Amino acid sequence: MTPILQLLRPQQWLKNLFVFLPLFFDRHLFDVELLVPCILVFVAFCFASSGIYCFNDIQDAEADRKHHEKRNRPIASGAVSARTGYIVMAVCVILSLALVALIGRNSMLFLVIGAYIILNIAYSLKLKHLAIVDVFIIATGFVLRVLAGGLATDIHITHWIVLMTFLLALFLAFAKRRDDVVMFESSGVETRKTASQYNLPFLNEAISIVASITMVCYILYTVSPEVVERFNSPYVYLTSLFVLAGIIRYLQITIVDVKNGSPTRVLLHDRFIQGCIICWIASFALIIYL
């Protein structure tokens, strides 16, 4: 992978698949007229997120050099200069906004992706150094992706999808912070300023609480009268099995295996979680599309 491509972190683009959730749950995933603008929003978020990664890597270069893995990032290693990083960031942001303009479906879409960019720049500069605030910012970013997907397709976003997206992202963010704390306590190297503001007992409690709330919220969603009526099926609750299995497996990876350095890496390499996601998508699709 070339340094510039590595700087863009294409493996992290998986996170932007959240823009397709409104389309999926509204049973319009195969509607080409709606799918095209949603794909454009997905690509726009890929450019926007890559631009933010460039900016973040420039800001974190000194800290990354102390990390056993992050020190190999293009900016930290010196493979790409900070000046080049800023240029790549600017190009990514411009392309992102240009794609949103191309969609031309809803002016609110500009505000959402603009808010995403501004919020993450603020995160990189200051907010990521504030414990608890940092993980809430990350979770908000995922909600903005979902909102963008809804705006691009004119699909109403329910409170359920907002809640579940926020809670799931919060769970993953707390789990990732636990990895930072484990490294800080074992090596004494503080690669992230919030590492000293957290500890393992607190994060274990926070992760457990958020995981429990996420699961309860999902079950309440599946058995709610409006969902049963909307999908014309009383069997949506059966998909909870795969959600529960996936969450428990992620807890095992985080607490037992201590290998949760990157949620994306876990998703790309853990067969059990991949199986849970595939089974959840397949079961949900069978229930709501057939």
Protein backbone atom coordinates (compact mmCIF):
# COMPACT_ATOMS: atom_id res chain seq x y z
CA MET A 1 0.00 0.00 0.00
CA THR A 2 1.48 3.35 -1.02
CA PRO A 3 1.98 5.96 1.75
CA ILE A 4 -0.76 8.24 0.37
CA LEU A 5 -3.26 5.39 0.16
CA GLN A 6 -2.27 4.27 3.63
CA LEU A 7 -2.85 7.83 4.84
CA LEU A 8 -6.43 7.66 3.51
CA ARG A 9 -7.12 4.48 5.54
CA PRO A 10 -9.45 2.80 3.01
CA GLN A 11 -10.04 -0.10 5.43
CA GLN A 12 -11.91 2.37 7.65
CA TRP A 13 -14.44 3.11 4.91
CA LEU A 14 -16.45 0.15 6.20
CA LYS A 15 -17.79 2.51 8.88
CA ASN A 16 -19.50 4.55 6.18
CA LEU A 17 -21.78 1.62 5.30
CA PHE A 18 -24.04 3.02 8.02
CA VAL A 19 -25.41 5.43 5.38
CA PHE A 20 -27.24 2.44 3.85
CA LEU A 21 -29.16 1.55 7.03
CA PRO A 22 -32.20 3.78 6.29
CA LEU A 23 -32.44 2.23 2.83
CA PHE A 24 -32.17 -1.29 4.23
CA PHE A 25 -34.73 -0.88 7.00
CA ASP A 26 -37.15 0.95 4.71
CA ARG A 27 -37.10 -2.03 2.29
CA HIS A 28 -35.73 0.02 -0.60
CA LEU A 29 -32.23 -1.45 -0.78
CA PHE A 30 -32.78 -2.58 -4.38
CA ASP A 31 -34.48 0.61 -5.53
CA VAL A 32 -31.93 1.97 -8.03
CA GLU A 33 -33.40 5.49 -7.90
CA LEU A 34 -32.63 5.67 -4.18
CA LEU A 35 -29.55 3.47 -4.19
CA VAL A 36 -27.54 5.76 -6.49
CA PRO A 37 -27.70 8.90 -4.25
CA CYS A 38 -26.98 6.68 -1.25
CA ILE A 39 -23.85 5.33 -2.93
CA LEU A 40 -22.76 8.89 -3.69
CA VAL A 41 -23.22 9.82 -0.03
CA PHE A 42 -21.20 6.76 0.94
CA VAL A 43 -18.34 7.87 -1.32
CA ALA A 44 -18.67 11.44 -0.01
CA PHE A 45 -18.25 10.19 3.56
CA CYS A 46 -15.28 8.07 2.47
CA PHE A 47 -13.56 11.22 1.18
CA ALA A 48 -14.60 13.23 4.25
CA SER A 49 -13.42 10.60 6.72
CA SER A 50 -10.13 10.16 4.83
CA GLY A 51 -9.60 13.92 4.97
CA ILE A 52 -10.15 13.82 8.73
CA TYR A 53 -7.71 10.92 9.09
CA CYS A 54 -5.08 13.01 7.30
CA PHE A 55 -5.66 15.91 9.68
CA ASN A 56 -5.72 13.63 12.72
CA ASP A 57 -2.47 11.91 11.76
CA ILE A 58 -0.75 15.28 11.40
CA GLN A 59 -1.94 16.34 14.85
CA ASP A 60 -1.02 12.97 16.42
CA ALA A 61 2.35 12.47 14.72
CA GLU A 62 4.41 12.86 17.93
CA ALA A 63 2.16 10.60 20.01
CA ASP A 64 1.93 8.00 17.22
CA ARG A 65 5.71 7.63 17.19
CA LYS A 66 5.48 6.21 20.73
CA HIS A 67 2.91 3.55 19.70
CA HIS A 68 4.16 0.14 18.57
CA GLU A 69 1.80 0.11 15.56
CA LYS A 70 0.82 3.74 14.94
CA ARG A 71 4.46 4.73 14.52
CA ASN A 72 4.28 3.13 11.07
CA ARG A 73 1.60 5.56 9.89
CA PRO A 74 2.77 7.70 6.93
CA ILE A 75 2.98 11.02 8.80
CA ALA A 76 4.53 9.58 11.97
CA SER A 77 7.10 7.55 10.03
CA GLY A 78 8.01 10.47 7.77
CA ALA A 79 6.89 8.71 4.59
CA VAL A 80 4.49 11.61 3.96
CA SER A 81 5.16 15.21 5.01
CA ALA A 82 2.67 17.27 7.01
CA ARG A 83 2.38 19.67 4.07
CA THR A 84 1.39 16.83 1.73
CA GLY A 85 -1.03 15.61 4.36
CA TYR A 86 -2.80 18.97 4.43
CA ILE A 87 -3.02 19.00 0.63
CA VAL A 88 -4.52 15.50 0.56
CA MET A 89 -6.97 16.54 3.28
CA ALA A 90 -8.10 19.60 1.31
CA VAL A 91 -8.61 17.54 -1.85
CA CYS A 92 -10.66 14.94 0.05
CA VAL A 93 -12.91 17.55 1.68
CA ILE A 94 -13.49 19.35 -1.65
CA LEU A 95 -14.36 16.07 -3.40
CA SER A 96 -16.70 15.14 -0.57
CA LEU A 97 -18.63 18.42 -0.77
CA ALA A 98 -18.65 18.24 -4.58
CA LEU A 99 -20.33 14.83 -4.44
CA VAL A 100 -22.96 16.14 -2.02
CA ALA A 101 -23.62 19.01 -4.45
CA LEU A 102 -23.95 16.48 -7.27
CA ILE A 103 -26.73 14.69 -5.40
CA GLY A 104 -28.62 17.97 -5.02
CA ARG A 105 -31.43 16.20 -3.21
CA ASN A 106 -31.53 18.04 0.07
CA SER A 107 -29.66 21.15 1.24
CA MET A 108 -29.64 19.68 4.76
CA LEU A 109 -27.18 17.10 3.47
CA PHE A 110 -24.54 19.86 3.26
CA LEU A 111 -25.16 20.74 6.88
CA VAL A 112 -24.85 17.12 8.01
CA ILE A 113 -21.60 16.35 6.23
CA GLY A 114 -20.31 19.83 7.11
CA ALA A 115 -21.14 19.16 10.76
CA TYR A 116 -19.33 15.82 10.49
CA ILE A 117 -16.18 17.48 9.15
CA ILE A 118 -16.21 20.38 11.63
CA LEU A 119 -16.99 18.11 14.60
CA ASN A 120 -14.13 15.76 13.74
CA ILE A 121 -11.66 18.60 13.23
CA ALA A 122 -12.65 19.86 16.69
CA TYR A 123 -12.25 16.29 17.94
CA SER A 124 -8.74 16.03 16.51
CA LEU A 125 -7.70 19.41 17.95
CA LYS A 126 -9.19 19.29 21.43
CA LEU A 127 -12.26 17.15 22.13
CA LYS A 128 -10.50 13.78 21.90
CA HIS A 129 -8.49 14.81 24.97
CA LEU A 130 -11.66 15.01 27.10
CA ALA A 131 -12.69 11.68 28.63
CA ILE A 132 -16.26 10.58 27.90
CA VAL A 133 -16.72 13.51 25.52
CA ASP A 134 -14.35 11.74 23.11
CA VAL A 135 -16.44 8.56 22.82
CA PHE A 136 -19.70 10.51 22.55
CA ILE A 137 -18.22 12.47 19.62
CA ILE A 138 -17.32 9.21 17.87
CA ALA A 139 -20.84 7.84 18.38
CA THR A 140 -22.36 11.08 17.08
CA GLY A 141 -20.33 10.68 13.88
CA PHE A 142 -22.08 7.39 13.16
CA VAL A 143 -25.48 8.96 13.75
CA LEU A 144 -24.59 11.70 11.25
CA ARG A 145 -23.82 8.99 8.68
CA VAL A 146 -27.27 7.49 9.17
CA LEU A 147 -28.93 10.92 8.97
CA ALA A 148 -27.08 11.59 5.71
CA GLY A 149 -28.33 8.30 4.28
CA GLY A 150 -31.88 9.27 5.19
CA LEU A 151 -31.58 12.76 3.72
CA ALA A 152 -30.08 11.46 0.47
CA THR A 153 -33.02 9.12 -0.04
CA ASP A 154 -35.81 11.16 1.61
CA ILE A 155 -36.40 8.32 4.05
CA HIS A 156 -37.68 9.20 7.51
CA ILE A 157 -35.20 8.30 10.25
CA THR A 158 -36.91 6.72 13.26
CA HIS A 159 -35.79 7.19 16.84
CA TRP A 160 -34.99 3.49 16.97
CA ILE A 161 -32.28 3.60 14.31
CA VAL A 162 -30.74 6.71 15.89
CA LEU A 163 -30.67 5.12 19.35
CA MET A 164 -29.25 1.79 18.20
CA THR A 165 -26.61 3.40 15.99
CA PHE A 166 -25.49 5.71 18.80
CA LEU A 167 -25.40 2.93 21.41
CA LEU A 168 -23.54 0.45 19.20
CA ALA A 169 -20.94 3.08 18.24
CA LEU A 170 -20.59 4.10 21.91
CA PHE A 171 -20.01 0.45 22.86
CA LEU A 172 -17.27 0.07 20.23
CA ALA A 173 -15.66 3.39 21.23
CA PHE A 174 -15.47 2.44 24.92
CA ALA A 175 -14.01 -0.94 23.94
CA LYS A 176 -11.33 0.80 21.89
CA ARG A 177 -10.49 3.12 24.79
CA ARG A 178 -9.97 0.03 26.93
CA ASP A 179 -7.24 -1.06 24.56
CA ASP A 180 -5.53 2.34 25.01
CA VAL A 181 -5.68 1.98 28.79
CA VAL A 182 -4.29 -1.58 28.70
CA MET A 183 -1.29 -0.32 26.72
CA PHE A 184 -0.85 2.68 29.04
CA GLU A 185 -0.95 0.54 32.20
CA SER A 186 1.36 -2.13 30.81
CA SER A 187 3.99 0.08 29.16
CA GLY A 188 3.54 3.48 30.78
CA VAL A 189 3.37 5.02 27.30
CA GLU A 190 0.43 7.42 27.00
CA THR A 191 -0.40 7.44 23.29
CA ARG A 192 -3.71 9.16 23.99
CA LYS A 193 -4.20 11.82 26.67
CA THR A 194 -7.50 10.33 27.83
CA ALA A 195 -5.73 7.04 28.69
CA SER A 196 -4.80 8.44 32.11
CA GLN A 197 -8.38 9.70 32.62
CA TYR A 198 -9.81 6.18 32.35
CA ASN A 199 -9.00 2.91 34.11
CA LEU A 200 -9.92 -0.72 33.47
CA PRO A 201 -12.60 -1.08 36.20
CA PHE A 202 -14.42 2.02 34.94
CA LEU A 203 -14.22 0.97 31.29
CA ASN A 204 -15.30 -2.59 32.05
CA GLU A 205 -18.37 -1.20 33.80
CA ALA A 206 -19.08 1.31 31.03
CA ILE A 207 -18.73 -1.31 28.30
CA SER A 208 -21.02 -3.72 30.17
CA ILE A 209 -23.65 -1.05 30.78
CA VAL A 210 -23.69 0.20 27.19
CA ALA A 211 -23.70 -3.36 25.82
CA SER A 212 -26.70 -4.23 28.03
CA ILE A 213 -28.61 -1.08 27.06
CA THR A 214 -27.87 -1.71 23.38
CA MET A 215 -29.23 -5.24 23.56
CA VAL A 216 -32.36 -4.20 25.49
CA CYS A 217 -32.97 -1.34 23.04
CA TYR A 218 -32.69 -3.73 20.09
CA ILE A 219 -35.10 -6.23 21.62
CA LEU A 220 -37.60 -3.46 22.42
CA TYR A 221 -37.30 -2.34 18.81
CA THR A 222 -38.01 -5.81 17.42
CA VAL A 223 -41.12 -6.35 19.54
CA SER A 224 -42.54 -2.82 19.31
CA PRO A 225 -46.04 -2.72 17.77
CA GLU A 226 -45.06 -0.19 15.07
CA VAL A 227 -42.18 -2.39 13.88
CA VAL A 228 -44.32 -5.55 13.84
CA GLU A 229 -46.98 -3.68 11.87
CA ARG A 230 -44.49 -1.98 9.55
CA PHE A 231 -42.75 -5.20 8.53
CA ASN A 232 -45.95 -7.24 8.79
CA SER A 233 -44.10 -9.90 10.78
CA PRO A 234 -44.00 -10.87 14.47
CA TYR A 235 -40.67 -12.66 13.99
CA VAL A 236 -38.24 -9.73 13.85
CA TYR A 237 -37.25 -10.50 17.44
CA LEU A 238 -35.55 -13.70 16.24
CA THR A 239 -32.73 -11.58 14.79
CA SER A 240 -31.80 -10.64 18.38
CA LEU A 241 -29.98 -13.97 18.65
CA PHE A 242 -27.26 -12.86 16.22
CA VAL A 243 -26.98 -9.38 17.76
CA LEU A 244 -26.52 -10.87 21.24
CA ALA A 245 -23.95 -13.40 19.99
CA GLY A 246 -22.01 -10.66 18.18
CA ILE A 247 -21.94 -8.35 21.22
CA ILE A 248 -20.83 -11.14 23.57
CA ARG A 249 -18.11 -12.23 21.16
CA TYR A 250 -16.87 -8.63 20.94
CA LEU A 251 -16.78 -8.46 24.74
CA GLN A 252 -14.70 -11.65 24.73
CA ILE A 253 -12.24 -10.18 22.23
CA THR A 254 -12.02 -6.96 24.26
CA ILE A 255 -11.79 -8.31 27.81
CA VAL A 256 -10.42 -11.85 27.46
CA ASP A 257 -8.26 -11.69 24.32
CA VAL A 258 -7.41 -7.97 24.72
CA LYS A 259 -7.19 -7.62 20.95
CA ASN A 260 -9.55 -4.73 20.29
CA GLY A 261 -7.05 -2.22 18.93
CA SER A 262 -9.35 -1.48 15.99
CA PRO A 263 -13.05 -2.38 15.56
CA THR A 264 -12.52 -2.42 11.78
CA ARG A 265 -9.70 -4.93 12.11
CA VAL A 266 -11.87 -7.15 14.31
CA LEU A 267 -14.65 -6.99 11.72
CA LEU A 268 -12.26 -7.88 8.90
CA HIS A 269 -10.59 -10.80 10.68
CA ASP A 270 -12.93 -12.37 13.24
CA ARG A 271 -14.95 -15.14 11.56
CA PHE A 272 -17.42 -15.46 14.42
CA ILE A 273 -18.47 -11.81 14.27
CA GLN A 274 -18.55 -11.93 10.47
CA GLY A 275 -20.87 -14.93 10.73
CA CYS A 276 -23.13 -13.08 13.18
CA ILE A 277 -23.37 -10.06 10.86
CA ILE A 278 -24.08 -12.21 7.80
CA CYS A 279 -26.73 -14.23 9.64
CA TRP A 280 -28.32 -11.03 11.02
CA ILE A 281 -28.48 -9.42 7.58
CA ALA A 282 -29.80 -12.61 5.97
CA SER A 283 -32.44 -13.23 8.64
CA PHE A 284 -33.59 -9.62 8.70
CA ALA A 285 -33.70 -9.49 4.90
CA LEU A 286 -35.79 -12.68 4.77
CA ILE A 287 -38.24 -11.25 7.30
CA ILE A 288 -38.71 -7.78 5.84
CA TYR A 289 -38.18 -8.40 2.11
CA LEU A 290 -39.99 -11.70 1.56
